[in-house]
N, C-alpha and C. Protein backbone atom coordinates (compact mmCIF):
# COMPACT_ATOMS: atom_id res chain seq x y z
N MET A 1 -50.32 7.29 12.50
CA MET A 1 -50.22 7.48 11.07
C MET A 1 -51.08 8.66 10.62
N TYR A 2 -52.30 8.71 11.12
CA TYR A 2 -53.23 9.76 10.70
C TYR A 2 -53.15 11.00 11.59
N ALA A 3 -52.55 10.88 12.74
CA ALA A 3 -52.57 11.95 13.74
C ALA A 3 -51.98 13.25 13.20
N ASN A 4 -50.87 13.18 12.50
CA ASN A 4 -50.24 14.39 11.97
C ASN A 4 -51.11 15.05 10.91
N GLN A 5 -51.70 14.26 10.04
CA GLN A 5 -52.58 14.80 9.01
C GLN A 5 -53.81 15.46 9.63
N ILE A 6 -54.36 14.80 10.64
CA ILE A 6 -55.54 15.35 11.31
C ILE A 6 -55.19 16.67 12.00
N LYS A 7 -54.07 16.70 12.69
CA LYS A 7 -53.65 17.92 13.38
C LYS A 7 -53.45 19.07 12.39
N THR A 8 -52.82 18.79 11.27
CA THR A 8 -52.61 19.81 10.24
C THR A 8 -53.94 20.34 9.72
N LEU A 9 -54.87 19.44 9.46
CA LEU A 9 -56.18 19.84 8.97
C LEU A 9 -56.97 20.60 10.03
N GLU A 10 -56.84 20.21 11.29
CA GLU A 10 -57.51 20.94 12.37
C GLU A 10 -56.99 22.37 12.45
N ASN A 11 -55.68 22.54 12.30
CA ASN A 11 -55.10 23.88 12.30
C ASN A 11 -55.63 24.71 11.13
N LYS A 12 -55.71 24.09 9.96
CA LYS A 12 -56.24 24.78 8.79
C LYS A 12 -57.70 25.16 9.00
N PHE A 13 -58.48 24.25 9.57
CA PHE A 13 -59.88 24.51 9.88
C PHE A 13 -60.00 25.71 10.81
N ASN A 14 -59.19 25.75 11.85
CA ASN A 14 -59.22 26.85 12.81
C ASN A 14 -58.81 28.18 12.17
N GLU A 15 -57.81 28.15 11.30
CA GLU A 15 -57.39 29.36 10.59
C GLU A 15 -58.53 29.91 9.72
N ILE A 16 -59.18 29.03 8.99
CA ILE A 16 -60.29 29.45 8.13
C ILE A 16 -61.43 30.00 8.99
N SER A 17 -61.71 29.35 10.10
CA SER A 17 -62.77 29.81 10.99
C SER A 17 -62.47 31.21 11.52
N LYS A 18 -61.22 31.44 11.89
CA LYS A 18 -60.83 32.77 12.38
C LYS A 18 -60.99 33.81 11.28
N MET A 19 -60.58 33.47 10.07
CA MET A 19 -60.73 34.40 8.95
C MET A 19 -62.20 34.75 8.74
N LEU A 20 -63.06 33.74 8.81
CA LEU A 20 -64.49 33.97 8.65
C LEU A 20 -65.04 34.85 9.76
N ASP A 21 -64.63 34.59 10.99
CA ASP A 21 -65.07 35.41 12.12
C ASP A 21 -64.66 36.87 11.93
N ASP A 22 -63.42 37.06 11.51
CA ASP A 22 -62.93 38.43 11.28
C ASP A 22 -63.73 39.12 10.18
N MET A 23 -64.04 38.40 9.12
CA MET A 23 -64.81 38.99 8.03
C MET A 23 -66.22 39.35 8.49
N ARG A 24 -66.82 38.50 9.31
CA ARG A 24 -68.16 38.76 9.81
C ARG A 24 -68.18 39.97 10.74
N LYS A 25 -67.13 40.10 11.56
CA LYS A 25 -67.03 41.25 12.46
C LYS A 25 -66.93 42.56 11.67
N ASN A 26 -66.34 42.48 10.48
CA ASN A 26 -66.19 43.66 9.63
C ASN A 26 -67.40 43.87 8.72
N GLY A 27 -68.44 43.06 8.90
CA GLY A 27 -69.67 43.22 8.11
C GLY A 27 -69.58 42.68 6.70
N ASP A 28 -68.66 41.81 6.44
CA ASP A 28 -68.46 41.27 5.09
C ASP A 28 -68.99 39.85 5.02
N GLU A 29 -70.28 39.66 5.31
CA GLU A 29 -70.86 38.32 5.39
C GLU A 29 -71.40 37.82 4.05
N THR A 30 -71.53 38.66 3.07
CA THR A 30 -72.19 38.25 1.83
C THR A 30 -71.23 38.09 0.66
N SER A 31 -69.98 38.33 0.86
CA SER A 31 -69.05 38.30 -0.26
C SER A 31 -68.80 36.89 -0.77
N ASP A 32 -68.31 36.80 -1.98
CA ASP A 32 -67.94 35.51 -2.56
C ASP A 32 -66.79 34.87 -1.80
N LYS A 33 -65.95 35.71 -1.19
CA LYS A 33 -64.83 35.20 -0.40
C LYS A 33 -65.34 34.41 0.81
N VAL A 34 -66.40 34.90 1.46
CA VAL A 34 -66.97 34.19 2.60
C VAL A 34 -67.52 32.85 2.16
N LYS A 35 -68.23 32.84 1.05
CA LYS A 35 -68.78 31.59 0.52
C LYS A 35 -67.66 30.61 0.19
N SER A 36 -66.62 31.09 -0.43
CA SER A 36 -65.48 30.25 -0.78
C SER A 36 -64.81 29.68 0.48
N LEU A 37 -64.63 30.52 1.48
CA LEU A 37 -64.01 30.06 2.72
C LEU A 37 -64.88 29.04 3.43
N ASN A 38 -66.20 29.26 3.43
CA ASN A 38 -67.10 28.27 4.03
C ASN A 38 -67.00 26.93 3.31
N ASP A 39 -66.93 26.96 2.00
CA ASP A 39 -66.79 25.73 1.22
C ASP A 39 -65.47 25.02 1.56
N GLN A 40 -64.39 25.80 1.65
CA GLN A 40 -63.10 25.22 2.00
C GLN A 40 -63.13 24.60 3.39
N ARG A 41 -63.75 25.32 4.32
CA ARG A 41 -63.82 24.82 5.70
C ARG A 41 -64.59 23.51 5.77
N MET A 42 -65.69 23.41 5.02
CA MET A 42 -66.47 22.17 5.02
C MET A 42 -65.69 21.01 4.40
N LYS A 43 -64.92 21.29 3.36
CA LYS A 43 -64.09 20.24 2.76
C LYS A 43 -63.03 19.75 3.74
N VAL A 44 -62.43 20.69 4.47
CA VAL A 44 -61.43 20.32 5.47
C VAL A 44 -62.10 19.49 6.58
N PHE A 45 -63.27 19.92 7.02
CA PHE A 45 -64.01 19.20 8.06
C PHE A 45 -64.33 17.77 7.60
N ASP A 46 -64.79 17.63 6.38
CA ASP A 46 -65.10 16.30 5.84
C ASP A 46 -63.86 15.41 5.79
N GLU A 47 -62.74 16.01 5.42
CA GLU A 47 -61.49 15.23 5.36
C GLU A 47 -61.04 14.81 6.77
N ILE A 48 -61.21 15.68 7.74
CA ILE A 48 -60.88 15.33 9.13
C ILE A 48 -61.73 14.14 9.57
N ARG A 49 -63.03 14.20 9.30
CA ARG A 49 -63.93 13.10 9.66
C ARG A 49 -63.52 11.80 8.97
N ARG A 50 -63.16 11.89 7.69
CA ARG A 50 -62.76 10.70 6.94
C ARG A 50 -61.51 10.08 7.56
N LEU A 51 -60.52 10.91 7.88
CA LEU A 51 -59.28 10.40 8.45
C LEU A 51 -59.50 9.83 9.85
N ARG A 52 -60.35 10.47 10.63
CA ARG A 52 -60.64 9.93 11.97
C ARG A 52 -61.32 8.57 11.87
N ARG A 53 -62.20 8.41 10.89
CA ARG A 53 -62.87 7.12 10.69
C ARG A 53 -61.84 6.06 10.29
N LEU A 54 -60.94 6.40 9.38
CA LEU A 54 -59.90 5.46 8.97
C LEU A 54 -58.99 5.10 10.14
N GLU A 55 -58.65 6.11 10.94
CA GLU A 55 -57.81 5.87 12.11
C GLU A 55 -58.51 4.92 13.09
N TRP A 56 -59.80 5.14 13.31
CA TRP A 56 -60.56 4.29 14.22
C TRP A 56 -60.61 2.87 13.69
N GLU A 57 -60.88 2.72 12.39
CA GLU A 57 -60.97 1.39 11.80
C GLU A 57 -59.64 0.66 11.86
N GLU A 58 -58.55 1.40 11.75
CA GLU A 58 -57.24 0.78 11.83
C GLU A 58 -56.95 0.26 13.23
N LYS A 59 -57.48 0.93 14.24
CA LYS A 59 -57.22 0.55 15.63
C LYS A 59 -58.15 -0.54 16.13
N HIS A 60 -59.26 -0.75 15.46
CA HIS A 60 -60.26 -1.71 15.94
C HIS A 60 -60.50 -2.80 14.90
N ASP A 61 -60.61 -3.99 15.41
CA ASP A 61 -60.93 -5.11 14.53
C ASP A 61 -62.39 -5.03 14.12
N ARG A 62 -62.63 -5.34 12.89
CA ARG A 62 -64.00 -5.43 12.43
C ARG A 62 -64.47 -6.86 12.62
N VAL A 63 -65.68 -7.00 13.07
CA VAL A 63 -66.26 -8.32 13.27
C VAL A 63 -67.41 -8.46 12.28
N GLU A 64 -67.36 -9.51 11.51
CA GLU A 64 -68.44 -9.80 10.58
C GLU A 64 -69.52 -10.56 11.33
N TRP A 65 -70.76 -10.31 11.02
CA TRP A 65 -71.86 -10.97 11.70
C TRP A 65 -71.88 -12.49 11.46
N ASP A 66 -71.30 -12.91 10.37
CA ASP A 66 -71.25 -14.34 10.08
C ASP A 66 -70.08 -15.03 10.76
N ASP A 67 -69.27 -14.25 11.44
CA ASP A 67 -68.09 -14.77 12.13
C ASP A 67 -68.54 -15.64 13.31
N GLU A 68 -68.00 -16.86 13.42
CA GLU A 68 -68.40 -17.79 14.46
C GLU A 68 -67.43 -17.80 15.62
N ARG A 69 -67.12 -16.65 16.14
CA ARG A 69 -66.22 -16.60 17.29
C ARG A 69 -66.89 -17.01 18.54
């Protein structure tokens, strides 16, 4: 369920990373565009982590400490 969303976000993360690398190679490390791209990349990264956590929780049963199994 989450795999396609995660893959799409990973591709977007990699695209942004490449754009940032290219900008840094051209000496454009201080522009507002770099800051904006870094912010976008972090948001994508956070969303990937959130979806991976949801995916993991969906695959694994949660055990409550009060559970008398």
